[in-house]
Amino acid sequence: MIHKKYLIFIFLMISIFVFTGCTSDEQKDTIQKAQQVSLAYFKENYGVDVQFTEHKFLPADLSHNVSLSGHIENNKETEVTILVNYDTFEVKNAIVPKELLDLKK
């Protein structure tokens, strides 16, 4: 009986490891694609280059968005945040300081 419990435990651990690894790779790809879309968005709409420093996946039951936060390159004081739908890679919203709003094309 104890031997069976160990086998079940090992099976569960391997399953968790395999599924976590797949999710991690998928999330990395999603973040990379969202960053590419976001960089193009800021360049096209505001004429600035952005460096992203953080990301956060919003709960899937609320939305299918990833939030990227960062700052304008060479200006860490000017922070930006953008929401990207990770199914369509469409920009949903961008939060920028007032000085960037004046630059919007």
PDB file of N, CA and C in Angstrom:
ATOM      1  N   MET A   1       0.822  -1.203   0.000  1.00  0.00           N
ATOM      2  CA  MET A   1       0.000   0.000   0.000  1.00  0.00           C
ATOM      3  C   MET A   1       0.862   1.262   0.000  1.00  0.00           C
ATOM      4  N   ILE A   2       1.925   1.256   0.810  1.00  0.00           N
ATOM      5  CA  ILE A   2       2.821   2.414   0.865  1.00  0.00           C
ATOM      6  C   ILE A   2       3.512   2.597  -0.483  1.00  0.00           C
ATOM      7  N   HIS A   3       3.880   1.494  -1.109  1.00  0.00           N
ATOM      8  CA  HIS A   3       4.534   1.551  -2.410  1.00  0.00           C
ATOM      9  C   HIS A   3       3.623   2.222  -3.442  1.00  0.00           C
ATOM     10  N   LYS A   4       2.345   1.925  -3.394  1.00  0.00           N
ATOM     11  CA  LYS A   4       1.375   2.523  -4.316  1.00  0.00           C
ATOM     12  C   LYS A   4       1.264   4.033  -4.092  1.00  0.00           C
ATOM     13  N   LYS A   5       1.308   4.465  -2.828  1.00  0.00           N
ATOM     14  CA  LYS A   5       1.242   5.899  -2.521  1.00  0.00           C
ATOM     15  C   LYS A   5       2.447   6.631  -3.093  1.00  0.00           C
ATOM     16  N   TYR A   6       3.621   6.016  -2.999  1.00  0.00           N
ATOM     17  CA  TYR A   6       4.826   6.638  -3.549  1.00  0.00           C
ATOM     18  C   TYR A   6       4.738   6.767  -5.065  1.00  0.00           C
ATOM     19  N   LEU A   7       4.218   5.735  -5.719  1.00  0.00           N
ATOM     20  CA  LEU A   7       4.069   5.790  -7.173  1.00  0.00           C
ATOM     21  C   LEU A   7       3.103   6.896  -7.592  1.00  0.00           C
ATOM     22  N   ILE A   8       2.006   7.022  -6.872  1.00  0.00           N
ATOM     23  CA  ILE A   8       1.041   8.085  -7.173  1.00  0.00           C
ATOM     24  C   ILE A   8       1.679   9.450  -6.952  1.00  0.00           C
ATOM     25  N   PHE A   9       2.416   9.595  -5.866  1.00  0.00           N
ATOM     26  CA  PHE A   9       3.091  10.862  -5.569  1.00  0.00           C
ATOM     27  C   PHE A   9       4.096  11.214  -6.666  1.00  0.00           C
ATOM     28  N   ILE A  10       4.897  10.239  -7.078  1.00  0.00           N
ATOM     29  CA  ILE A  10       5.894  10.478  -8.131  1.00  0.00           C
ATOM     30  C   ILE A  10       5.199  10.842  -9.440  1.00  0.00           C
ATOM     31  N   PHE A  11       4.121  10.144  -9.774  1.00  0.00           N
ATOM     32  CA  PHE A  11       3.372  10.454 -10.991  1.00  0.00           C
ATOM     33  C   PHE A  11       2.840  11.888 -10.958  1.00  0.00           C
ATOM     34  N   LEU A  12       2.279  12.288  -9.831  1.00  0.00           N
ATOM     35  CA  LEU A  12       1.760  13.656  -9.699  1.00  0.00           C
ATOM     36  C   LEU A  12       2.872  14.689  -9.832  1.00  0.00           C
ATOM     37  N   MET A  13       4.007  14.436  -9.233  1.00  0.00           N
ATOM     38  CA  MET A  13       5.127  15.385  -9.311  1.00  0.00           C
ATOM     39  C   MET A  13       5.632  15.520 -10.746  1.00  0.00           C
ATOM     40  N   ILE A  14       5.747  14.405 -11.441  1.00  0.00           N
ATOM     41  CA  ILE A  14       6.192  14.450 -12.836  1.00  0.00           C
ATOM     42  C   ILE A  14       5.169  15.195 -13.691  1.00  0.00           C
ATOM     43  N   SER A  15       3.894  14.934 -13.470  1.00  0.00           N
ATOM     44  CA  SER A  15       2.838  15.626 -14.221  1.00  0.00           C
ATOM     45  C   SER A  15       2.894  17.127 -13.995  1.00  0.00           C
ATOM     46  N   ILE A  16       3.042  17.537 -12.762  1.00  0.00           N
ATOM     47  CA  ILE A  16       3.133  18.967 -12.442  1.00  0.00           C
ATOM     48  C   ILE A  16       4.346  19.578 -13.119  1.00  0.00           C
ATOM     49  N   PHE A  17       5.473  18.894 -13.072  1.00  0.00           N
ATOM     50  CA  PHE A  17       6.699  19.398 -13.691  1.00  0.00           C
ATOM     51  C   PHE A  17       6.528  19.569 -15.197  1.00  0.00           C
ATOM     52  N   VAL A  18       5.945  18.572 -15.845  1.00  0.00           N
ATOM     53  CA  VAL A  18       5.760  18.625 -17.303  1.00  0.00           C
ATOM     54  C   VAL A  18       4.809  19.748 -17.688  1.00  0.00           C
ATOM     55  N   PHE A  19       3.660  19.846 -17.023  1.00  0.00           N
ATOM     56  CA  PHE A  19       2.678  20.868 -17.380  1.00  0.00           C
ATOM     57  C   PHE A  19       3.155  22.264 -17.033  1.00  0.00           C
ATOM     58  N   THR A  20       3.888  22.418 -15.961  1.00  0.00           N
ATOM     59  CA  THR A  20       4.421  23.731 -15.596  1.00  0.00           C
ATOM     60  C   THR A  20       5.457  24.178 -16.610  1.00  0.00           C
ATOM     61  N   GLY A  21       6.288  23.267 -17.063  1.00  0.00           N
ATOM     62  CA  GLY A  21       7.298  23.603 -18.064  1.00  0.00           C
ATOM     63  C   GLY A  21       6.670  24.061 -19.363  1.00  0.00           C
ATOM     64  N   CYS A  22       5.618  23.406 -19.805  1.00  0.00           N
ATOM     65  CA  CYS A  22       4.931  23.799 -21.043  1.00  0.00           C
ATOM     66  C   CYS A  22       4.301  25.174 -20.892  1.00  0.00           C
ATOM     67  N   THR A  23       3.645  25.394 -19.790  1.00  0.00           N
ATOM     68  CA  THR A  23       3.006  26.685 -19.564  1.00  0.00           C
ATOM     69  C   THR A  23       4.042  27.792 -19.551  1.00  0.00           C
ATOM     70  N   SER A  24       5.171  27.536 -18.943  1.00  0.00           N
ATOM     71  CA  SER A  24       6.215  28.547 -18.854  1.00  0.00           C
ATOM     72  C   SER A  24       6.705  28.942 -20.248  1.00  0.00           C
ATOM     73  N   ASP A  25       6.953  27.959 -21.116  1.00  0.00           N
ATOM     74  CA  ASP A  25       7.401  28.258 -22.479  1.00  0.00           C
ATOM     75  C   ASP A  25       6.329  29.022 -23.252  1.00  0.00           C
ATOM     76  N   GLU A  26       5.076  28.627 -23.077  1.00  0.00           N
ATOM     77  CA  GLU A  26       3.984  29.323 -23.753  1.00  0.00           C
ATOM     78  C   GLU A  26       3.888  30.765 -23.266  1.00  0.00           C
ATOM     79  N   GLN A  27       4.042  30.965 -21.966  1.00  0.00           N
ATOM     80  CA  GLN A  27       3.977  32.320 -21.418  1.00  0.00           C
ATOM     81  C   GLN A  27       5.133  33.169 -21.929  1.00  0.00           C
ATOM     82  N   LYS A  28       6.318  32.589 -22.032  1.00  0.00           N
ATOM     83  CA  LYS A  28       7.466  33.336 -22.559  1.00  0.00           C
ATOM     84  C   LYS A  28       7.206  33.785 -23.989  1.00  0.00           C
ATOM     85  N   ASP A  29       6.660  32.882 -24.811  1.00  0.00           N
ATOM     86  CA  ASP A  29       6.338  33.237 -26.196  1.00  0.00           C
ATOM     87  C   ASP A  29       5.275  34.328 -26.241  1.00  0.00           C
ATOM     88  N   THR A  30       4.265  34.199 -25.392  1.00  0.00           N
ATOM     89  CA  THR A  30       3.189  35.189 -25.339  1.00  0.00           C
ATOM     90  C   THR A  30       3.732  36.549 -24.935  1.00  0.00           C
ATOM     91  N   ILE A  31       4.581  36.582 -23.927  1.00  0.00           N
ATOM     92  CA  ILE A  31       5.164  37.846 -23.467  1.00  0.00           C
ATOM     93  C   ILE A  31       6.011  38.467 -24.567  1.00  0.00           C
ATOM     94  N   GLN A  32       6.804  37.645 -25.245  1.00  0.00           N
ATOM     95  CA  GLN A  32       7.653  38.163 -26.319  1.00  0.00           C
ATOM     96  C   GLN A  32       6.808  38.773 -27.445  1.00  0.00           C
ATOM     97  N   LYS A  33       5.736  38.094 -27.854  1.00  0.00           N
ATOM     98  CA  LYS A  33       4.863  38.621 -28.907  1.00  0.00           C
ATOM     99  C   LYS A  33       4.158  39.895 -28.446  1.00  0.00           C
ATOM    100  N   ALA A  34       3.692  39.903 -27.202  1.00  0.00           N
ATOM    101  CA  ALA A  34       3.022  41.093 -26.665  1.00  0.00           C
ATOM    102  C   ALA A  34       3.989  42.270 -26.599  1.00  0.00           C
ATOM    103  N   GLN A  35       5.242  42.011 -26.256  1.00  0.00           N
ATOM    104  CA  GLN A  35       6.234  43.087 -26.219  1.00  0.00           C
ATOM    105  C   GLN A  35       6.489  43.649 -27.612  1.00  0.00           C
ATOM    106  N   GLN A  36       6.570  42.786 -28.615  1.00  0.00           N
ATOM    107  CA  GLN A  36       6.785  43.253 -29.986  1.00  0.00           C
ATOM    108  C   GLN A  36       5.644  44.155 -30.440  1.00  0.00           C
ATOM    109  N   VAL A  37       4.409  43.723 -30.174  1.00  0.00           N
ATOM    110  CA  VAL A  37       3.234  44.520 -30.538  1.00  0.00           C
ATOM    111  C   VAL A  37       3.257  45.851 -29.794  1.00  0.00           C
ATOM    112  N   SER A  38       3.602  45.818 -28.526  1.00  0.00           N
ATOM    113  CA  SER A  38       3.606  47.024 -27.694  1.00  0.00           C
ATOM    114  C   SER A  38       4.693  48.001 -28.112  1.00  0.00           C
ATOM    115  N   LEU A  39       5.870  47.482 -28.424  1.00  0.00           N
ATOM    116  CA  LEU A  39       6.952  48.359 -28.887  1.00  0.00           C
ATOM    117  C   LEU A  39       6.541  49.081 -30.169  1.00  0.00           C
ATOM    118  N   ALA A  40       5.927  48.340 -31.092  1.00  0.00           N
ATOM    119  CA  ALA A  40       5.454  48.951 -32.338  1.00  0.00           C
ATOM    120  C   ALA A  40       4.372  49.984 -32.049  1.00  0.00           C
ATOM    121  N   TYR A  41       3.476  49.691 -31.112  1.00  0.00           N
ATOM    122  CA  TYR A  41       2.400  50.621 -30.752  1.00  0.00           C
ATOM    123  C   TYR A  41       2.974  51.942 -30.243  1.00  0.00           C
ATOM    124  N   PHE A  42       3.908  51.880 -29.307  1.00  0.00           N
ATOM    125  CA  PHE A  42       4.480  53.113 -28.757  1.00  0.00           C
ATOM    126  C   PHE A  42       5.286  53.875 -29.803  1.00  0.00           C
ATOM    127  N   LYS A  43       5.976  53.162 -30.677  1.00  0.00           N
ATOM    128  CA  LYS A  43       6.761  53.823 -31.722  1.00  0.00           C
ATOM    129  C   LYS A  43       5.832  54.519 -32.723  1.00  0.00           C
ATOM    130  N   GLU A  44       4.775  53.829 -33.147  1.00  0.00           N
ATOM    131  CA  GLU A  44       3.859  54.387 -34.143  1.00  0.00           C
ATOM    132  C   GLU A  44       3.006  55.519 -33.589  1.00  0.00           C
ATOM    133  N   ASN A  45       2.550  55.391 -32.341  1.00  0.00           N
ATOM    134  CA  ASN A  45       1.615  56.365 -31.784  1.00  0.00           C
ATOM    135  C   ASN A  45       2.270  57.517 -31.035  1.00  0.00           C
ATOM    136  N   TYR A  46       3.431  57.286 -30.470  1.00  0.00           N
ATOM    137  CA  TYR A  46       4.071  58.330 -29.658  1.00  0.00           C
ATOM    138  C   TYR A  46       5.491  58.663 -30.118  1.00  0.00           C
ATOM    139  N   GLY A  47       6.037  57.872 -31.036  1.00  0.00           N
ATOM    140  CA  GLY A  47       7.382  58.118 -31.534  1.00  0.00           C
ATOM    141  C   GLY A  47       8.470  57.871 -30.498  1.00  0.00           C
ATOM    142  N   VAL A  48       8.223  56.953 -29.560  1.00  0.00           N
ATOM    143  CA  VAL A  48       9.207  56.673 -28.507  1.00  0.00           C
ATOM    144  C   VAL A  48       9.520  55.181 -28.458  1.00  0.00           C
ATOM    145  N   ASP A  49      10.704  54.876 -27.958  1.00  0.00           N
ATOM    146  CA  ASP A  49      11.099  53.497 -27.701  1.00  0.00           C
ATOM    147  C   ASP A  49      10.903  53.213 -26.224  1.00  0.00           C
ATOM    148  N   VAL A  50      10.440  52.022 -25.917  1.00  0.00           N
ATOM    149  CA  VAL A  50      10.099  51.652 -24.547  1.00  0.00           C
ATOM    150  C   VAL A  50      10.905  50.426 -24.136  1.00  0.00           C
ATOM    151  N   GLN A  51      11.256  50.385 -22.870  1.00  0.00           N
ATOM    152  CA  GLN A  51      11.891  49.201 -22.295  1.00  0.00           C
ATOM    153  C   GLN A  51      10.939  48.637 -21.244  1.00  0.00           C
ATOM    154  N   PHE A  52      10.495  47.399 -21.440  1.00  0.00           N
ATOM    155  CA  PHE A  52       9.572  46.772 -20.495  1.00  0.00           C
ATOM    156  C   PHE A  52      10.351  46.073 -19.394  1.00  0.00           C
ATOM    157  N   THR A  53       9.894  46.254 -18.167  1.00  0.00           N
ATOM    158  CA  THR A  53      10.584  45.688 -17.012  1.00  0.00           C
ATOM    159  C   THR A  53       9.729  44.695 -16.232  1.00  0.00           C
ATOM    160  N   GLU A  54       8.416  44.730 -16.430  1.00  0.00           N
ATOM    161  CA  GLU A  54       7.518  43.835 -15.695  1.00  0.00           C
ATOM    162  C   GLU A  54       6.379  43.373 -16.599  1.00  0.00           C
ATOM    163  N   HIS A  55       5.822  42.228 -16.256  1.00  0.00           N
ATOM    164  CA  HIS A  55       4.629  41.737 -16.940  1.00  0.00           C
ATOM    165  C   HIS A  55       3.742  41.035 -15.921  1.00  0.00           C
ATOM    166  N   LYS A  56       2.455  41.000 -16.246  1.00  0.00           N
ATOM    167  CA  LYS A  56       1.504  40.315 -15.368  1.00  0.00           C
ATOM    168  C   LYS A  56       0.331  39.824 -16.208  1.00  0.00           C
ATOM    169  N   PHE A  57       0.033  38.540 -16.082  1.00  0.00           N
ATOM    170  CA  PHE A  57      -1.139  37.985 -16.739  1.00  0.00           C
ATOM    171  C   PHE A  57      -2.339  38.238 -15.847  1.00  0.00           C
ATOM    172  N   LEU A  58      -3.364  38.854 -16.405  1.00  0.00           N
ATOM    173  CA  LEU A  58      -4.585  39.071 -15.643  1.00  0.00           C
ATOM    174  C   LEU A  58      -5.330  37.742 -15.531  1.00  0.00           C
ATOM    175  N   PRO A  59      -6.148  37.569 -14.502  1.00  0.00           N
ATOM    176  CA  PRO A  59      -6.872  36.299 -14.349  1.00  0.00           C
ATOM    177  C   PRO A  59      -7.686  35.963 -15.599  1.00  0.00           C
ATOM    178  N   ALA A  60      -7.548  34.742 -16.069  1.00  0.00           N
ATOM    179  CA  ALA A  60      -8.183  34.320 -17.323  1.00  0.00           C
ATOM    180  C   ALA A  60      -9.704  34.374 -17.258  1.00  0.00           C
ATOM    181  N   ASP A  61     -10.276  34.262 -16.065  1.00  0.00           N
ATOM    182  CA  ASP A  61     -11.733  34.335 -15.979  1.00  0.00           C
ATOM    183  C   ASP A  61     -12.247  35.766 -16.101  1.00  0.00           C
ATOM    184  N   LEU A  62     -11.360  36.750 -15.966  1.00  0.00           N
ATOM    185  CA  LEU A  62     -11.749  38.156 -16.129  1.00  0.00           C
ATOM    186  C   LEU A  62     -11.462  38.671 -17.531  1.00  0.00           C
ATOM    187  N   SER A  63     -10.294  38.353 -18.043  1.00  0.00           N
ATOM    188  CA  SER A  63      -9.911  38.805 -19.381  1.00  0.00           C
ATOM    189  C   SER A  63      -8.730  37.977 -19.859  1.00  0.00           C
ATOM    190  N   HIS A  64      -8.448  38.059 -21.120  1.00  0.00           N
ATOM    191  CA  HIS A  64      -7.292  37.370 -21.691  1.00  0.00           C
ATOM    192  C   HIS A  64      -6.236  38.403 -22.050  1.00  0.00           C
ATOM    193  N   ASN A  65      -5.846  39.188 -21.059  1.00  0.00           N
ATOM    194  CA  ASN A  65      -4.885  40.263 -21.268  1.00  0.00           C
ATOM    195  C   ASN A  65      -3.626  40.046 -20.451  1.00  0.00           C
ATOM    196  N   VAL A  66      -2.533  40.547 -20.997  1.00  0.00           N
ATOM    197  CA  VAL A  66      -1.279  40.611 -20.264  1.00  0.00           C
ATOM    198  C   VAL A  66      -0.927  42.091 -20.139  1.00  0.00           C
ATOM    199  N   SER A  67      -0.496  42.471 -18.962  1.00  0.00           N
ATOM    200  CA  SER A  67      -0.107  43.854 -18.691  1.00  0.00           C
ATOM    201  C   SER A  67       1.414  43.938 -18.736  1.00  0.00           C
ATOM    202  N   LEU A  68       1.922  44.886 -19.506  1.00  0.00           N
ATOM    203  CA  LEU A  68       3.363  45.128 -19.580  1.00  0.00           C
ATOM    204  C   LEU A  68       3.644  46.519 -19.034  1.00  0.00           C
ATOM    205  N   SER A  69       4.611  46.608 -18.142  1.00  0.00           N
ATOM    206  CA  SER A  69       4.989  47.902 -17.563  1.00  0.00           C
ATOM    207  C   SER A  69       6.463  48.143 -17.814  1.00  0.00           C
ATOM    208  N   GLY A  70       6.799  49.409 -17.951  1.00  0.00           N
ATOM    209  CA  GLY A  70       8.190  49.767 -18.179  1.00  0.00           C
ATOM    210  C   GLY A  70       8.348  51.263 -18.222  1.00  0.00           C
ATOM    211  N   HIS A  71       9.334  51.702 -18.995  1.00  0.00           N
ATOM    212  CA  HIS A  71       9.629  53.129 -19.082  1.00  0.00           C
ATOM    213  C   HIS A  71      10.183  53.459 -20.463  1.00  0.00           C
ATOM    214  N   ILE A  72      10.191  54.743 -20.753  1.00  0.00           N
ATOM    215  CA  ILE A  72      10.782  55.214 -22.000  1.00  0.00           C
ATOM    216  C   ILE A  72      12.282  54.950 -21.928  1.00  0.00           C
ATOM    217  N   GLU A  73      12.862  54.475 -23.036  1.00  0.00           N
ATOM    218  CA  GLU A  73      14.302  54.217 -23.042  1.00  0.00           C
ATOM    219  C   GLU A  73      15.062  55.483 -22.677  1.00  0.00           C
ATOM    220  N   ASN A  74      16.073  55.315 -21.857  1.00  0.00           N
ATOM    221  CA  ASN A  74      16.936  56.397 -21.372  1.00  0.00           C
ATOM    222  C   ASN A  74      16.195  57.397 -20.498  1.00  0.00           C
ATOM    223  N   ASN A  75      15.016  57.027 -19.987  1.00  0.00           N
ATOM    224  CA  ASN A  75      14.269  57.908 -19.087  1.00  0.00           C
ATOM    225  C   ASN A  75      13.410  57.049 -18.151  1.00  0.00           C
ATOM    226  N   LYS A  76      14.012  56.572 -17.084  1.00  0.00           N
ATOM    227  CA  LYS A  76      13.306  55.674 -16.163  1.00  0.00           C
ATOM    228  C   LYS A  76      12.191  56.374 -15.397  1.00  0.00           C
ATOM    229  N   GLU A  77      12.166  57.689 -15.429  1.00  0.00           N
ATOM    230  CA  GLU A  77      11.133  58.447 -14.719  1.00  0.00           C
ATOM    231  C   GLU A  77       9.796  58.436 -15.469  1.00  0.00           C
ATOM    232  N   THR A  78       9.831  58.236 -16.775  1.00  0.00           N
ATOM    233  CA  THR A  78       8.613  58.249 -17.589  1.00  0.00           C
ATOM    234  C   THR A  78       8.111  56.818 -17.746  1.00  0.00           C
ATOM    235  N   GLU A  79       7.200  56.428 -16.861  1.00  0.00           N
ATOM    236  CA  GLU A  79       6.691  55.058 -16.831  1.00  0.00           C
ATOM    237  C   GLU A  79       5.461  54.897 -17.720  1.00  0.00           C
ATOM    238  N   VAL A  80       5.339  53.713 -18.307  1.00  0.00           N
ATOM    239  CA  VAL A  80       4.200  53.391 -19.164  1.00  0.00           C
ATOM    240  C   VAL A  80       3.691  51.988 -18.827  1.00  0.00           C
ATOM    241  N   THR A  81       2.422  51.763 -19.127  1.00  0.00           N
ATOM    242  CA  THR A  81       1.804  50.442 -18.965  1.00  0.00           C
ATOM    243  C   THR A  81       0.884  50.217 -20.154  1.00  0.00           C
ATOM    244  N   ILE A  82       0.838  48.987 -20.616  1.00  0.00           N
ATOM    245  CA  ILE A  82      -0.004  48.662 -21.761  1.00  0.00           C
ATOM    246  C   ILE A  82      -0.672  47.305 -21.527  1.00  0.00           C
ATOM    247  N   LEU A  83      -1.918  47.186 -21.978  1.00  0.00           N
ATOM    248  CA  LEU A  83      -2.664  45.926 -21.910  1.00  0.00           C
ATOM    249  C   LEU A  83      -2.786  45.355 -23.316  1.00  0.00           C
ATOM    250  N   VAL A  84      -2.414  44.094 -23.469  1.00  0.00           N
ATOM    251  CA  VAL A  84      -2.485  43.427 -24.764  1.00  0.00           C
ATOM    252  C   VAL A  84      -3.287  42.139 -24.605  1.00  0.00           C
ATOM    253  N   ASN A  85      -4.256  41.930 -25.497  1.00  0.00           N
ATOM    254  CA  ASN A  85      -5.014  40.684 -25.509  1.00  0.00           C
ATOM    255  C   ASN A  85      -4.089  39.588 -26.030  1.00  0.00           C
ATOM    256  N   TYR A  86      -3.889  38.534 -25.245  1.00  0.00           N
ATOM    257  CA  TYR A  86      -2.935  37.505 -25.653  1.00  0.00           C
ATOM    258  C   TYR A  86      -3.532  36.446 -26.582  1.00  0.00           C
ATOM    259  N   ASP A  87      -4.791  36.584 -26.937  1.00  0.00           N
ATOM    260  CA  ASP A  87      -5.373  35.716 -27.963  1.00  0.00           C
ATOM    261  C   ASP A  87      -5.205  36.343 -29.347  1.00  0.00           C
ATOM    262  N   THR A  88      -5.432  37.659 -29.418  1.00  0.00           N
ATOM    263  CA  THR A  88      -5.386  38.368 -30.701  1.00  0.00           C
ATOM    264  C   THR A  88      -4.157  39.261 -30.851  1.00  0.00           C
ATOM    265  N   PHE A  89      -3.439  39.491 -29.762  1.00  0.00           N
ATOM    266  CA  PHE A  89      -2.300  40.412 -29.700  1.00  0.00           C
ATOM    267  C   PHE A  89      -2.689  41.809 -30.179  1.00  0.00           C
ATOM    268  N   GLU A  90      -3.863  42.219 -29.754  1.00  0.00           N
ATOM    269  CA  GLU A  90      -4.383  43.560 -30.013  1.00  0.00           C
ATOM    270  C   GLU A  90      -4.190  44.399 -28.753  1.00  0.00           C
ATOM    271  N   VAL A  91      -3.716  45.633 -28.942  1.00  0.00           N
ATOM    272  CA  VAL A  91      -3.561  46.544 -27.806  1.00  0.00           C
ATOM    273  C   VAL A  91      -4.942  46.975 -27.343  1.00  0.00           C
ATOM    274  N   LYS A  92      -5.224  46.779 -26.062  1.00  0.00           N
ATOM    275  CA  LYS A  92      -6.514  47.143 -25.490  1.00  0.00           C
ATOM    276  C   LYS A  92      -6.480  48.522 -24.851  1.00  0.00           C
ATOM    277  N   ASN A  93      -5.369  48.858 -24.203  1.00  0.00           N
ATOM    278  CA  ASN A  93      -5.280  50.131 -23.498  1.00  0.00           C
ATOM    279  C   ASN A  93      -3.816  50.440 -23.217  1.00  0.00           C
ATOM    280  N   ALA A  94      -3.492  51.717 -23.214  1.00  0.00           N
ATOM    281  CA  ALA A  94      -2.144  52.149 -22.849  1.00  0.00           C
ATOM    282  C   ALA A  94      -2.264  53.280 -21.836  1.00  0.00           C
ATOM    283  N   ILE A  95      -1.457  53.209 -20.807  1.00  0.00           N
ATOM    284  CA  ILE A  95      -1.434  54.247 -19.778  1.00  0.00           C
ATOM    285  C   ILE A  95      -0.093  54.955 -19.881  1.00  0.00           C
ATOM    286  N   VAL A  96      -0.170  56.243 -20.187  1.00  0.00           N
ATOM    287  CA  VAL A  96       1.047  57.036 -20.378  1.00  0.00           C
ATOM    288  C   VAL A  96       0.921  58.349 -19.616  1.00  0.00           C
ATOM    289  N   PRO A  97       2.049  58.964 -19.258  1.00  0.00           N
ATOM    290  CA  PRO A  97       1.979  60.272 -18.602  1.00  0.00           C
ATOM    291  C   PRO A  97       1.537  61.360 -19.577  1.00  0.00           C
ATOM    292  N   LYS A  98       1.120  62.477 -19.019  1.00  0.00           N
ATOM    293  CA  LYS A  98       0.585  63.582 -19.825  1.00  0.00           C
ATOM    294  C   LYS A  98       1.549  64.057 -20.902  1.00  0.00           C
ATOM    295  N   GLU A  99       2.845  64.112 -20.589  1.00  0.00           N
ATOM    296  CA  GLU A  99       3.789  64.605 -21.601  1.00  0.00           C
ATOM    297  C   GLU A  99       3.826  63.719 -22.842  1.00  0.00           C
ATOM    298  N   LEU A 100       3.503  62.443 -22.700  1.00  0.00           N
ATOM    299  CA  LEU A 100       3.432  61.576 -23.879  1.00  0.00           C
ATOM    300  C   LEU A 100       2.117  61.740 -24.627  1.00  0.00           C
ATOM    301  N   LEU A 101       1.049  62.050 -23.907  1.00  0.00           N
ATOM    302  CA  LEU A 101      -0.239  62.270 -24.571  1.00  0.00           C
ATOM    303  C   LEU A 101      -0.141  63.400 -25.586  1.00  0.00           C
ATOM    304  N   ASP A 102       0.654  64.403 -25.258  1.00  0.00           N
ATOM    305  CA  ASP A 102       0.828  65.531 -26.174  1.00  0.00           C
ATOM    306  C   ASP A 102       1.565  65.125 -27.446  1.00  0.00           C
ATOM    307  N   LEU A 103       2.333  64.016 -27.389  1.00  0.00           N
ATOM    308  CA  LEU A 103       3.085  63.553 -28.550  1.00  0.00           C
ATOM    309  C   LEU A 103       2.280  62.617 -29.448  1.00  0.00           C
ATOM    310  N   LYS A 104       1.089  62.199 -28.995  1.00  0.00           N
ATOM    311  CA  LYS A 104       0.325  61.195 -29.736  1.00  0.00           C
ATOM    312  C   LYS A 104       0.033  61.671 -31.154  1.00  0.00           C
ATOM    313  N   LYS A 105       0.299  60.786 -32.088  1.00  0.00           N
ATOM    314  CA  LYS A 105       0.130  61.101 -33.512  1.00  0.00           C
ATOM    315  C   LYS A 105      -1.282  60.820 -33.957  1.00  0.00           C
TER     316      LYS A 105
END
